[in-house]
Each structure stands twice: as C-alpha cells, then as structure tokens.
Protein backbone atom coordinates (compact mmCIF):
# COMPACT_ATOMS: atom_id res chain seq x y z
CA UNK A 1 0.30 0.14 -0.06
CA UNK A 2 1.12 3.50 -1.04
CA UNK A 3 1.52 6.60 0.98
CA UNK A 4 -1.37 7.94 -0.45
CA UNK A 5 -3.35 5.02 0.37
CA UNK A 6 -2.27 4.72 4.17
CA UNK A 7 -2.87 8.00 4.34
CA UNK A 8 -6.26 7.98 2.83
CA UNK A 9 -7.22 5.15 5.33
CA UNK A 10 -5.88 6.04 8.66
CA UNK A 11 -6.96 9.53 7.89
CA UNK A 12 -10.37 9.51 6.30
CA UNK A 13 -11.55 12.60 7.93
CA UNK A 14 -8.43 14.57 5.84
CA UNK A 15 -9.36 13.79 1.85
CA UNK A 16 -10.54 17.64 1.86
CA UNK A 17 -6.90 19.00 2.44
CA UNK A 18 -3.31 18.06 1.46
CA UNK A 19 -1.07 16.35 3.88
CA UNK A 20 2.13 17.12 4.19
CA UNK A 21 3.72 14.62 6.97
CA UNK A 22 3.11 12.90 9.67
CA UNK A 23 5.17 13.53 12.61
CA UNK A 24 5.73 10.69 15.31
CA UNK A 25 6.24 12.76 18.51
CA UNK A 26 6.77 9.85 20.88
CA UNK A 27 3.86 11.11 22.86
CA UNK A 28 1.46 12.09 20.51
CA UNK A 29 1.04 11.90 16.24
CA UNK A 30 1.34 15.40 14.57
CA UNK A 31 -0.15 15.57 11.21
CA UNK A 32 1.03 18.73 8.94
CA UNK A 33 -1.38 19.42 5.91
CA UNK A 34 -2.89 22.52 4.27
CA UNK A 35 -5.86 23.58 2.49
CA UNK A 36 -5.84 22.95 -1.74
CA UNK A 37 -5.47 26.00 -3.99
CA UNK A 38 -9.11 25.62 -5.16
CA UNK A 39 -11.38 29.19 -5.25
CA UNK A 40 -13.29 29.23 -2.33
CA UNK A 41 -17.34 31.42 -2.52
CA UNK A 42 -17.43 34.32 -0.07
CA UNK A 43 -19.46 33.57 2.91
CA UNK A 44 -21.16 37.11 2.61
CA UNK A 45 -21.47 37.90 -1.36
CA UNK A 46 -20.98 33.99 -2.56
CA UNK A 47 -18.31 35.29 -5.03
CA UNK A 48 -15.64 32.89 -5.95
CA UNK A 49 -11.84 33.75 -5.13
CA UNK A 50 -8.56 31.98 -4.65
CA UNK A 51 -6.68 35.46 -3.98
CA UNK A 52 -4.68 35.10 -1.08
CA UNK A 53 -4.04 37.75 1.69
CA UNK A 54 -2.12 35.83 4.33
CA UNK A 55 -1.77 32.41 5.93
CA UNK A 56 -3.19 31.33 9.39
CA UNK A 57 -2.53 28.35 11.20
CA UNK A 58 -4.68 26.22 13.43
CA UNK A 59 -4.10 23.23 15.63
CA UNK A 60 -7.31 20.76 15.98
CA UNK A 61 -7.43 17.66 18.32
CA UNK A 62 -8.65 14.77 16.42
CA UNK A 63 -9.01 11.25 16.98
CA UNK A 64 -6.43 8.83 18.56
CA UNK A 65 -4.04 6.26 16.25
CA UNK A 66 -2.56 3.26 18.03
CA UNK A 67 -3.19 4.80 21.49
CA UNK A 68 -1.87 7.84 20.95
CA UNK A 69 -3.56 11.50 20.49
CA UNK A 70 -3.38 13.06 17.31
CA UNK A 71 -2.62 16.90 16.94
CA UNK A 72 -3.67 18.10 13.28
CA UNK A 73 -1.50 21.06 11.98
CA UNK A 74 -3.50 22.92 9.62
CA UNK A 75 -3.02 26.22 7.34
CA UNK A 76 -5.69 28.03 6.19
CA UNK A 77 -5.53 30.83 3.59
CA UNK A 78 -7.22 34.56 4.40
CA UNK A 79 -8.87 35.29 1.24
CA UNK A 80 -9.78 38.72 -0.78
CA UNK A 81 -13.29 38.84 -1.96
CA UNK A 82 -12.67 40.89 -5.82
CA UNK A 83 -16.53 42.01 -5.48
CA UNK A 84 -15.96 46.08 -4.98
CA UNK A 85 -19.91 45.87 -3.50
CA UNK A 86 -19.03 43.26 -1.04
CA UNK A 87 -18.90 44.61 2.59
CA UNK A 88 -16.49 42.14 3.88
CA UNK A 89 -13.16 42.63 2.18
CA UNK A 90 -11.29 39.22 3.64
CA UNK A 91 -12.33 35.97 4.70
CA UNK A 92 -10.56 33.14 6.45
CA UNK A 93 -11.47 29.79 4.62
CA UNK A 94 -13.17 26.54 6.56
CA UNK A 95 -12.88 23.16 6.06
CA UNK A 96 -16.44 21.40 6.20
CA UNK A 97 -16.58 18.33 8.83
CA UNK A 98 -12.70 19.01 9.71
CA UNK A 99 -12.09 22.36 11.07
CA UNK A 100 -15.11 24.53 12.38
CA UNK A 101 -14.85 27.65 13.09
CA UNK A 102 -13.58 28.59 16.79
CA UNK A 103 -13.52 25.09 16.95
CA UNK A 104 -10.22 23.22 18.97
CA UNK A 105 -11.63 19.63 17.81
CA UNK A 106 -12.34 18.25 14.93
CA UNK A 107 -16.52 17.32 14.67
CA UNK A 108 -15.31 13.45 14.53
CA UNK A 109 -13.42 14.02 18.04
CA UNK A 110 -16.47 16.12 19.27
CA UNK A 111 -18.77 13.43 18.40
CA UNK A 112 -17.11 10.87 20.26
CA UNK A 113 -16.82 12.95 23.68
CA UNK A 114 -20.46 13.61 23.05
CA UNK A 115 -21.49 10.01 22.40
CA UNK A 116 -19.67 9.03 25.71
CA UNK A 117 -20.87 12.18 27.74
CA UNK A 118 -24.47 10.70 27.24
CA UNK A 119 -23.90 7.21 28.14
CA UNK A 120 -21.51 8.14 30.99
CA UNK A 121 -21.65 11.87 32.04
CA UNK A 122 -18.67 14.05 33.02
CA UNK A 123 -16.56 12.05 35.63
CA UNK A 124 -17.23 8.53 34.17
CA UNK A 125 -16.99 9.51 30.59
CA UNK A 126 -13.55 11.14 31.18
CA UNK A 127 -11.93 8.48 32.98
CA UNK A 128 -13.37 6.02 29.61
CA UNK A 129 -11.80 8.75 27.14
CA UNK A 130 -8.45 9.03 28.79
CA UNK A 131 -8.13 5.21 28.17
CA UNK A 132 -8.62 6.11 24.33
CA UNK A 133 -6.21 8.56 25.14
CA UNK A 134 -8.33 11.53 24.22
CA UNK A 135 -7.65 14.18 27.44
CA UNK A 136 -10.60 16.40 28.44
CA UNK A 137 -11.98 17.49 31.51
CA UNK A 138 -15.61 16.17 33.18
CA UNK A 139 -16.80 19.99 32.50
CA UNK A 140 -15.87 19.48 28.87
CA UNK A 141 -17.28 16.39 28.28
CA UNK A 142 -21.03 18.20 29.92
CA UNK A 143 -20.44 21.13 28.04
CA UNK A 144 -20.60 19.16 24.72
CA UNK A 145 -23.50 17.16 26.14
CA UNK A 146 -25.84 20.03 26.56
CA UNK A 147 -24.42 21.33 23.03
CA UNK A 148 -26.17 18.43 21.37
CA UNK A 149 -29.53 19.52 19.53
CA UNK A 150 -32.50 17.78 20.33
CA UNK A 151 -34.40 15.28 18.16
CA UNK A 152 -37.25 17.00 16.98
CA UNK A 153 -39.88 14.57 16.26
CA UNK A 154 -43.77 14.49 15.79
CA UNK A 155 -46.12 14.14 18.26
CA UNK A 156 -46.99 10.66 18.71
CA UNK A 157 -50.84 9.84 18.55
CA UNK A 158 -50.34 7.51 21.48
CA UNK A 159 -48.50 9.27 24.73
CA UNK A 160 -47.51 7.66 27.65
CA UNK A 161 -47.58 9.58 30.74
CA UNK A 162 -45.71 8.85 34.18
CA UNK A 163 -44.04 10.46 37.09
CA UNK A 164 -40.32 10.23 38.21
CA UNK A 165 -38.37 10.95 41.33
CA UNK A 166 -35.63 13.18 41.11
CA UNK A 167 -35.87 13.09 45.01
CA UNK A 168 -37.81 10.72 46.43
CA UNK A 169 -40.95 12.20 48.16
CA UNK A 170 -39.83 15.61 47.33
CA UNK A 171 -39.11 16.47 43.80
CA UNK A 172 -40.61 14.89 40.73
CA UNK A 173 -40.46 15.67 37.12
CA UNK A 174 -42.93 14.10 34.35
CA UNK A 175 -41.71 11.78 31.66
CA UNK A 176 -43.53 11.64 28.46
CA UNK A 177 -42.83 8.65 25.67
CA UNK A 178 -44.30 7.26 22.76
CA UNK A 179 -46.30 4.11 23.91
CA UNK A 180 -45.94 2.42 20.74
CA UNK A 181 -42.76 2.93 19.81
CA UNK A 182 -41.09 3.60 23.35
CA UNK A 183 -39.28 6.81 21.99
CA UNK A 184 -38.67 9.37 24.76
CA UNK A 185 -41.01 12.84 23.62
CA UNK A 186 -40.31 15.10 26.59
CA UNK A 187 -39.26 15.39 30.44
CA UNK A 188 -41.29 18.31 32.25
CA UNK A 189 -39.43 19.54 35.35
CA UNK A 190 -42.54 18.83 37.49
CA UNK A 191 -45.75 16.76 37.96
CA UNK A 192 -48.26 19.57 38.03
CA UNK A 193 -51.24 19.25 35.92
CA UNK A 194 -50.47 22.74 34.34
CA UNK A 195 -47.38 21.93 33.30
CA UNK A 196 -48.48 18.83 31.85
CA UNK A 197 -52.09 20.78 30.46
CA UNK A 198 -50.13 23.24 28.36
CA UNK A 199 -47.66 20.46 26.92
CA UNK A 200 -50.56 19.15 25.55
CA UNK A 201 -52.06 22.43 24.19
CA UNK A 202 -48.89 23.32 22.48
CA UNK A 203 -48.20 20.10 21.11
CA UNK A 204 -51.89 18.53 18.98
CA UNK A 205 -52.83 15.77 17.71
CA UNK A 206 -52.13 13.03 20.48
CA UNK A 207 -55.04 10.86 20.55
CA UNK A 208 -55.11 8.61 23.13
CA UNK A 209 -53.38 9.18 26.70
CA UNK A 210 -51.68 6.21 28.58
CA UNK A 211 -51.68 6.56 32.81
CA UNK A 212 -51.63 5.70 36.30
CA UNK A 213 -54.63 6.46 38.60
CA UNK A 214 -53.26 10.15 39.07
CA UNK A 215 -56.46 12.32 39.18
CA UNK A 216 -54.09 15.18 38.53
CA UNK A 217 -52.65 13.94 35.53
CA UNK A 218 -56.69 12.96 34.32
CA UNK A 219 -57.45 16.61 34.99
CA UNK A 220 -54.46 18.09 33.11
CA UNK A 221 -55.30 15.31 30.01
CA UNK A 222 -59.14 16.67 29.93
CA UNK A 223 -57.57 20.15 29.97
CA UNK A 224 -54.68 20.37 27.65
CA UNK A 225 -56.45 17.17 25.56
CA UNK A 226 -59.96 16.98 25.75
CA UNK A 227 -60.70 15.02 22.69
CA UNK A 228 -58.19 12.32 23.85
CA UNK A 229 -59.00 9.04 25.10
CA UNK A 230 -57.57 8.27 28.92
CA UNK A 231 -56.16 4.56 29.17
CA UNK A 232 -55.91 3.43 32.80
CA UNK A 233 -52.98 1.23 33.12
CA UNK A 234 -53.65 -2.21 33.59
CA UNK A 235 -50.60 -3.11 35.92
CA UNK A 236 -51.77 -0.58 38.57
CA UNK A 237 -55.77 -1.71 38.29
CA UNK A 238 -54.09 -5.72 39.12
CA UNK A 239 -51.64 -4.09 41.63
CA UNK A 240 -54.45 -1.91 43.35
CA UNK A 241 -57.18 -4.97 43.26
CA UNK A 242 -53.84 -7.07 45.07
CA UNK A 243 -53.65 -4.65 47.93
CA UNK A 244 -57.43 -4.92 48.22
CA UNK A 245 -57.17 -8.53 48.16
CA UNK A 246 -53.95 -8.68 51.08
CA UNK A 247 -56.67 -6.51 53.03
CA UNK A 248 -59.48 -9.13 52.67
CA UNK A 249 -57.72 -12.37 53.26
CA UNK A 250 -55.79 -10.26 56.61
CA UNK A 251 -59.76 -9.45 57.71
CA UNK A 252 -60.89 -13.03 57.25
CA UNK A 253 -57.19 -14.84 58.65
CA UNK A 254 -59.18 -16.05 61.78
CA UNK A 255 -61.80 -18.37 59.25
CA UNK A 256 -58.26 -19.65 56.89
CA UNK A 257 -56.28 -20.19 60.00
CA UNK A 258 -58.64 -22.39 61.75
CA UNK A 259 -58.32 -25.81 60.69
CA UNK A 260 -58.33 -29.52 62.54
CA UNK A 261 -56.09 -29.62 65.45
CA UNK A 262 -52.42 -30.19 64.55
CA UNK A 263 -48.75 -30.74 66.55
CA UNK A 264 -46.78 -27.69 67.11
CA UNK A 265 -43.68 -28.24 65.70
CA UNK A 266 -40.57 -26.95 67.95
CA UNK A 267 -39.93 -24.03 65.54
CA UNK A 268 -43.42 -22.78 66.17
CA UNK A 269 -42.91 -23.22 70.09
CA UNK A 270 -40.30 -20.99 69.72
CA UNK A 271 -41.83 -18.35 68.05
CA UNK A 272 -44.57 -17.74 70.36
CA UNK A 273 -42.46 -18.03 73.39
CA UNK A 274 -39.99 -15.16 72.13
CA UNK A 275 -43.19 -13.30 70.83
CA UNK A 276 -44.84 -13.54 74.21
CA UNK A 277 -41.40 -12.68 75.97
CA UNK A 278 -41.55 -9.50 73.83
CA UNK A 279 -45.12 -8.33 74.75
CA UNK A 280 -45.13 -9.07 78.42
CA UNK A 281 -42.03 -6.63 78.43
CA UNK A 282 -44.17 -3.94 76.19
CA UNK A 283 -47.10 -4.62 78.63
CA UNK A 284 -45.03 -3.43 81.65
CA UNK A 285 -44.41 -0.45 79.65
CA UNK A 286 -40.19 -1.29 79.00
CA UNK A 287 -39.11 0.24 76.08
CA UNK A 288 -37.87 -1.39 72.85
CA UNK A 289 -33.90 -0.88 73.76
CA UNK A 290 -34.53 -2.24 77.35
CA UNK A 291 -35.93 -5.31 75.99
CA UNK A 292 -33.21 -5.81 73.62
CA UNK A 293 -30.73 -5.55 76.48
CA UNK A 294 -32.72 -7.71 78.90
CA UNK A 295 -33.49 -10.59 76.54
CA UNK A 296 -30.51 -10.41 74.81
CA UNK A 297 -31.51 -9.96 71.31
CA UNK A 298 -30.87 -7.89 68.63
CA UNK A 299 -33.31 -4.54 68.88
CA UNK A 300 -34.44 -5.43 65.07
CA UNK A 301 -35.45 -8.71 66.41
CA UNK A 302 -37.34 -7.07 68.99
CA UNK A 303 -38.83 -4.97 66.68
CA UNK A 304 -40.24 -7.33 64.49
CA UNK A 305 -41.76 -9.30 67.23
CA UNK A 306 -43.24 -6.00 68.50
CA UNK A 307 -44.82 -5.17 65.70
CA UNK A 308 -46.70 -8.57 65.10
CA UNK A 309 -50.32 -8.32 66.63
CA UNK A 310 -49.89 -12.16 67.26
CA UNK A 311 -47.39 -15.17 67.25
CA UNK A 312 -49.19 -16.66 64.00
CA UNK A 313 -48.50 -14.05 61.83
CA UNK A 314 -44.81 -14.30 62.14
CA UNK A 315 -45.17 -18.51 61.16
CA UNK A 316 -43.56 -18.50 57.80
CA UNK A 317 -43.58 -22.07 55.90
CA UNK A 318 -40.33 -23.19 55.06
CA UNK A 319 -39.42 -22.69 51.52
CA UNK A 320 -37.90 -26.12 49.84
CA UNK A 321 -36.35 -26.66 46.26
CA UNK A 322 -37.57 -29.06 43.91
CA UNK A 323 -36.51 -32.41 44.50
CA UNK A 324 -37.09 -36.18 43.11
CA UNK A 325 -39.17 -36.78 45.73
CA UNK A 326 -42.49 -34.56 45.21
CA UNK A 327 -43.85 -36.57 42.38
CA UNK A 328 -44.62 -38.89 45.42
CA UNK A 329 -45.28 -36.73 48.46
CA UNK A 330 -49.12 -37.14 48.39
CA UNK A 331 -48.44 -41.07 48.68
CA UNK A 332 -45.87 -40.45 51.22
CA UNK A 333 -48.61 -38.17 53.28
CA UNK A 334 -51.29 -40.91 52.66
CA UNK A 335 -49.38 -43.51 54.07
CA UNK A 336 -47.71 -41.75 57.06
CA UNK A 337 -51.52 -40.39 57.67
CA UNK A 338 -52.41 -44.27 57.57
CA UNK A 339 -49.39 -46.28 60.08
CA UNK A 340 -47.52 -43.17 61.45
CA UNK A 341 -44.48 -45.81 62.47
CA UNK A 342 -43.65 -46.80 59.01
CA UNK A 343 -40.47 -47.76 58.71
CA UNK A 344 -38.31 -45.77 55.90
CA UNK A 345 -37.26 -48.81 53.99
CA UNK A 346 -40.82 -49.64 53.12
CA UNK A 347 -41.76 -46.12 51.97
CA UNK A 348 -38.72 -46.10 49.49
CA UNK A 349 -39.71 -49.96 48.32
CA UNK A 350 -43.03 -48.45 47.42
CA UNK A 351 -41.89 -45.15 45.73
CA UNK A 352 -39.45 -47.11 44.18
CA UNK A 353 -41.81 -49.43 42.48
CA UNK A 354 -43.73 -46.33 41.32
CA UNK A 355 -40.63 -45.11 39.29
CA UNK A 356 -38.54 -43.03 41.92
CA UNK A 357 -35.05 -42.56 40.90
CA UNK A 358 -33.47 -40.74 43.83
CA UNK A 359 -31.59 -42.28 46.55
CA UNK A 360 -32.60 -43.19 50.33
CA UNK A 361 -30.30 -40.30 51.79
CA UNK A 362 -32.68 -37.71 49.72
CA UNK A 363 -35.65 -39.60 50.90
CA UNK A 364 -34.80 -39.41 54.70
CA UNK A 365 -33.59 -36.45 54.42
CA UNK A 366 -37.13 -35.25 52.77
CA UNK A 367 -39.27 -36.76 55.68
CA UNK A 368 -36.81 -35.45 58.26
CA UNK A 369 -37.87 -31.73 56.89
CA UNK A 370 -41.57 -32.85 57.43
CA UNK A 371 -42.11 -32.14 54.12
CA UNK A 372 -44.27 -35.22 53.61
CA UNK A 373 -46.02 -34.46 56.94
CA UNK A 374 -49.97 -33.93 56.54
CA UNK A 375 -50.45 -31.36 58.55
CA UNK A 376 -49.39 -27.68 56.83
CA UNK A 377 -48.69 -24.52 58.60
CA UNK A 378 -50.66 -21.58 57.30
CA UNK A 379 -49.31 -19.01 55.40
CA UNK A 380 -48.86 -15.73 55.70
CA UNK A 381 -51.38 -12.91 54.67
CA UNK A 382 -49.11 -11.27 51.84
CA UNK A 383 -47.79 -14.54 50.77
CA UNK A 384 -51.87 -16.27 50.84
CA UNK A 385 -52.77 -13.07 48.68
CA UNK A 386 -49.65 -13.62 46.01
CA UNK A 387 -51.03 -17.51 46.07
CA UNK A 388 -54.68 -16.02 44.84
CA UNK A 389 -53.00 -13.21 42.80
CA UNK A 390 -50.93 -15.80 40.63
CA UNK A 391 -51.98 -18.01 37.88
CA UNK A 392 -52.90 -21.63 38.80
CA UNK A 393 -50.64 -23.42 37.01
CA UNK A 394 -48.04 -21.53 38.29
CA UNK A 395 -48.04 -22.68 41.55
CA UNK A 396 -46.54 -26.08 42.25
CA UNK A 397 -49.27 -28.84 42.88
CA UNK A 398 -48.90 -29.23 46.91
CA UNK A 399 -48.86 -25.07 46.89
CA UNK A 400 -52.22 -24.98 44.84
CA UNK A 401 -54.27 -27.51 47.13
CA UNK A 402 -53.32 -25.88 50.11
CA UNK A 403 -54.28 -22.56 48.61
CA UNK A 404 -57.70 -24.03 47.54
CA UNK A 405 -57.99 -25.94 50.97
CA UNK A 406 -57.56 -22.54 52.83
CA UNK A 407 -60.12 -20.65 50.40
CA UNK A 408 -63.18 -23.29 50.42
CA UNK A 409 -62.75 -22.73 54.48
CA UNK A 410 -64.11 -19.38 54.08
CA UNK A 411 -67.66 -18.54 51.89
CA UNK A 412 -65.92 -14.96 51.61
CA UNK A 413 -62.70 -16.60 50.64
CA UNK A 414 -64.42 -18.89 48.39
CA UNK A 415 -66.28 -15.71 46.82
CA UNK A 416 -62.94 -13.57 46.50
CA UNK A 417 -61.25 -16.22 44.47
CA UNK A 418 -64.13 -16.42 42.14
CA UNK A 419 -64.10 -12.26 41.58
CA UNK A 420 -59.97 -12.46 41.59
CA UNK A 421 -60.20 -15.08 38.46
CA UNK A 422 -63.50 -13.15 36.67
CA UNK A 423 -60.90 -9.64 36.95
CA UNK A 424 -58.07 -11.78 35.63
CA UNK A 425 -59.98 -12.84 32.53
CA UNK A 426 -61.08 -9.10 31.65
CA UNK A 427 -57.35 -8.61 31.86
CA UNK A 428 -56.19 -10.86 29.58
CA UNK A 429 -59.08 -10.84 27.07
CA UNK A 430 -59.41 -7.06 26.79
CA UNK A 431 -63.36 -7.74 27.86
CA UNK A 432 -63.64 -3.70 29.45
CA UNK A 433 -67.79 -3.99 28.28
CA UNK A 434 -67.98 -6.69 31.17
CA UNK A 435 -66.65 -4.23 33.96
CA UNK A 436 -70.15 -3.06 34.87
CA UNK A 437 -71.52 -6.77 35.60
CA UNK A 438 -67.88 -7.43 37.43
CA UNK A 439 -68.55 -4.25 39.99
CA UNK A 440 -72.53 -5.48 40.26
CA UNK A 441 -71.37 -9.04 41.06
CA UNK A 442 -68.91 -7.13 44.05
CA UNK A 443 -70.90 -4.74 45.14
CA UNK A 444 -73.31 -7.87 46.15
CA UNK A 445 -70.49 -9.76 47.84
CA UNK A 446 -69.75 -8.98 51.58
CA UNK A 447 -66.26 -8.11 50.80
CA UNK A 448 -66.03 -4.34 51.81
CA UNK A 449 -62.30 -4.15 50.85
CA UNK A 450 -62.95 -4.75 47.23
CA UNK A 451 -65.99 -2.10 47.36
CA UNK A 452 -63.99 0.39 48.39
CA UNK A 453 -61.57 -1.04 44.82
CA UNK A 454 -64.69 -0.82 42.74
CA UNK A 455 -65.61 2.70 44.11
CA UNK A 456 -62.02 3.60 42.81
CA UNK A 457 -62.86 2.03 39.67
CA UNK A 458 -65.79 4.04 39.58
CA UNK A 459 -64.56 7.44 39.81
CA UNK A 460 -62.16 6.70 36.71
CA UNK A 461 -64.81 4.20 35.06
CA UNK A 462 -64.18 5.56 31.54
CA UNK A 463 -60.52 5.17 31.57
CA UNK A 464 -60.41 1.80 33.46
CA UNK A 465 -62.88 0.55 30.66
CA UNK A 466 -60.17 1.92 27.77
CA UNK A 467 -57.28 0.26 29.66
CA UNK A 468 -59.50 -2.98 29.68
CA UNK A 469 -60.40 -2.74 25.95
CA UNK A 470 -57.82 -0.94 24.76
CA UNK A 471 -53.91 -3.05 23.66
CA UNK A 472 -52.40 -0.19 24.90
CA UNK A 473 -50.57 0.33 28.17
CA UNK A 474 -48.05 2.17 30.39
CA UNK A 475 -45.70 -0.84 30.50
CA UNK A 476 -43.27 0.47 28.13
CA UNK A 477 -43.02 3.44 30.33
CA UNK A 478 -42.05 1.33 33.85
CA UNK A 479 -39.06 0.26 31.77
CA UNK A 480 -38.05 4.05 30.39
CA UNK A 481 -38.71 4.84 33.83
CA UNK A 482 -35.89 2.46 35.28
CA UNK A 483 -33.21 3.91 32.73
CA UNK A 484 -34.33 7.52 34.17
CA UNK A 485 -33.05 6.31 37.68
CA UNK A 486 -30.02 4.44 36.11
CA UNK A 487 -28.99 7.98 34.28
CA UNK A 488 -29.43 9.98 37.50
CA UNK A 489 -27.70 7.79 40.07
CA UNK A 490 -25.08 7.56 37.66
CA UNK A 491 -24.41 11.17 38.61
CA UNK A 492 -25.49 10.71 42.30
CA UNK A 493 -28.36 12.57 41.85
CA UNK A 494 -26.94 15.96 42.12
CA UNK A 495 -27.18 16.94 38.40
CA UNK A 496 -29.47 19.80 37.64
CA UNK A 497 -32.76 19.02 35.79
CA UNK A 498 -31.30 20.51 32.64
CA UNK A 499 -28.28 17.94 31.99
CA UNK A 500 -31.04 15.52 33.22
CA UNK A 501 -33.37 16.08 30.71
CA UNK A 502 -30.49 16.05 28.00
CA UNK A 503 -29.31 12.99 28.63
CA UNK A 504 -32.85 11.13 29.26
CA UNK A 505 -33.83 12.38 25.69
CA UNK A 506 -30.87 11.44 23.87
CA UNK A 507 -29.70 7.95 25.61
C-alpha cells in the first residue's frame, strides 16, 4: 500500500486537505496539512476567489491512532473578496467536517466525546476517554453534551405519561414517551397538572394517553387534550386489586387459620415463646431498647416481634427447592397418615416401584424436613394473597392444593377467589365491556375492601374501561422509568434538571 493510500485509510477525515507529512513525536502524532488551492466562495456575497491575503495556522485535536493522541497542524488561507460591493474585504476559509469555526477539536472527536458523555456523564466519561488517549475534563464532556441538539420528532398519536422521582418524596418530574415506539418525547420539570396541560396544548395531535390512576394527570389531559382517550394502566389496576385482596385476607385470617388440630413444631413453639416474652415486657411499659438489653437480642429482632399482633403472623412455612421426591408426596402423606410408624425402607421400596429414581438419603432428608407431613403450616396473609393473585398453572401442585383448602374454609374467601379470576379474565381477554357486570357482582358480596376498590374504579370509569379494552398500556413507561433512575444514579443525584433532561432524551 502506497503512502497516499495509507494516509487515506488511517486519516479519512483529511481527504479535503493536503497532508504534507506525519510526525511521530513519541507521546503524540502530529499531522501537518494545508488546504487546497481551489477557489472558495465568499461567505457574504458568494463570489468565488483564489486571491490569497495571508495564511493562518490552527491546531486541532483529532481521534487517537494507535493509542496516542493526534494533533492536526492545519494551514488555512485568508482570501480577498474581489467584489467591490461586498462589505467583507477578506475572509478565512473553512474546511467543513474538519475545522469548524473557533473549534479546537475535529467534529469526529467532538462526536466521540459527546457520545461517551451521554452514556456516562462527566467524571466517568472523562475517565473512559483517558483510556482512549483523549484528555478532556469532566466539564468539557458535560458542555459538549449540553450543546447537542435534541431530536425534533412528530407528536405521537399514543402518548404515555408518568412521574419519575428526582428526589424521592420531594421532587418529581413528568416523563412523556411514545407508547407504541417507546421513544422518549419530553421531560417536564414537575408533575403539576398545569405543566402537562400546557404541553398538550402546545403539541396537538395526541389521540390516546396512557396513565396510572393519578387524578392530577387525568385533569391535565382533560384540559390540554379534551378529545384524547384516557387509558388507565392495567398493571396499576391489578396492583390496586392486590392491595384490596391482601386486606381482605387479613380481615378473614381467623377463618383460614382455623383448621383441624395439629402438632406444634419446635420452631413454632420457639416463635410463640419469644413473641410472648417481648409483649410481656412491652405490657409492663419497658421500651424496645431495654427489651433488647434484658433479652439479649438484637434490637431489630425485638422490633419484628413487637410489630406482630400475634405469633401466628410470624409463622412462615419453610421454602424448599424441587426434589425427586415431590411427585410421590401424596403417596407418602397417605402412608404416614394411615401408619405413622412405617419404616423408611418400606416407603422407599413402595415409591421405587412407582418409578422413584433417587437415593434413600434424599428420602430421609425429605421426611426429616417434614415435607411429607399431612399437617401444613398456614402461610402469611401476604403469601396467601400472592397465591390468590397468581395463575394456577404457575403454582406447584402442593401449594395450589393448600391454597384451595384455605379458600374453601371461608365463604368470603371463596367469593374473593372467584372475583379475582373474573377480573383476571377481563384483563387478559380485553373485555372492558363486562366491567360493569363484574362491579355489580362485587357490590353484592360481603367484601368491604373490594367495595372500596370498585368505588375507585367507578371514579375513573371511562379510563378503566379503555384500559381493559384497548391494547395500549403504561408498561413501556416502567422500563423508561427504570432507565431514568439509572441515569440519575450515575450522576449521584446531583445533576441539575437541564442536564438530566438532556441525557434522558439523547440516551
């Protein structure tokens, strides 16, 4: 490869100028170049001229080569305008794509610094660029990021709106994205209704707006885009239903906790005794710190027992992984219920006849852990609510049977499980037209906490029906919100809103 071809390959950005020589200075590479002798148009009147008035030399930092910084020593001409009517007698020629006015680095290097700054911000971006032999300060990185123009795009037809915490419980912003393409549209400095309404008025064309249950955003959409269809997010509807379900489960805990008498395990007895010890001291007026000192426990342990109204609220069924014995659990439970002292070797022979491929040690460990005992520890209210809100096929067989037994012990729990399944069908099959029938059925049940949930749905009825009917949701917004949190934490939460907005819209 000849020298001209090599220079064209290594320095393609210098194709518009004449490279005179490349100097190896050890720590850096210096490229000496000059502009061509072609006529140049006057920037004021457009007259072509090649008459040279003088020469000017500039030094431009360029993309590194071989792990070393590159400096371009470029000689430019100052030309004389031949037009007598032109008010600009002389002018300095520019090299588009290489030497912009007042620039100290080439556009290619500036684009690299800006791209790194958008992803990593100031300090981290400057550190990474130093590895690439680009020496810049964090302030320069941020200044170039702020100088980047924002992409102007068309107003989306389907808009998604949600708030994002700039400082949790204190300062919030409003994030707007395209609900179809997931493209970030804008970031407003607060979550006030007036700001969103003003933005919608300035950007007409929005036909559908996806949001959560915020009444402030609902009012802003009514003011700024009265013809737009408001869509309540399905995830938030399911979450609100889950909170009502958990309250209902807690209210009926006496029903599903009650059952046939069973053996109290040592672990349960230990929990009950510790709970009684803490509440005995609390009833005597002893403070939490003094309780921890007298009992010799950690303060957080004392607080955990003090917060629980009863010892049953602290009992948790143990969590085990799947084993080879699981398919034979029902057989083992029947055998242990019929003959409590049956030998392990006999049980092993019986399940091996049914196809058990495991070892005797695995079976012994399984039995010692109590996983084959017919008695089952009732779950916590939160766990039972999670079982009720889960798809039946996503629960193991033993857990699904346990859930069904607990639900069947109380008429209100049975009705609750039926209403949950019906609402899940509305969500998955987009049957918003059946919402009124579901709400009427819930009002006829003895489920006060679900009545409150239905009242909330009735307050935002049209948006809820649209959310259960239309295919749009606020799901893409949750992903965008997570990315915003990452960008914010990269800057340790100390960046001002203009820089944060710039990085959100450019990243």
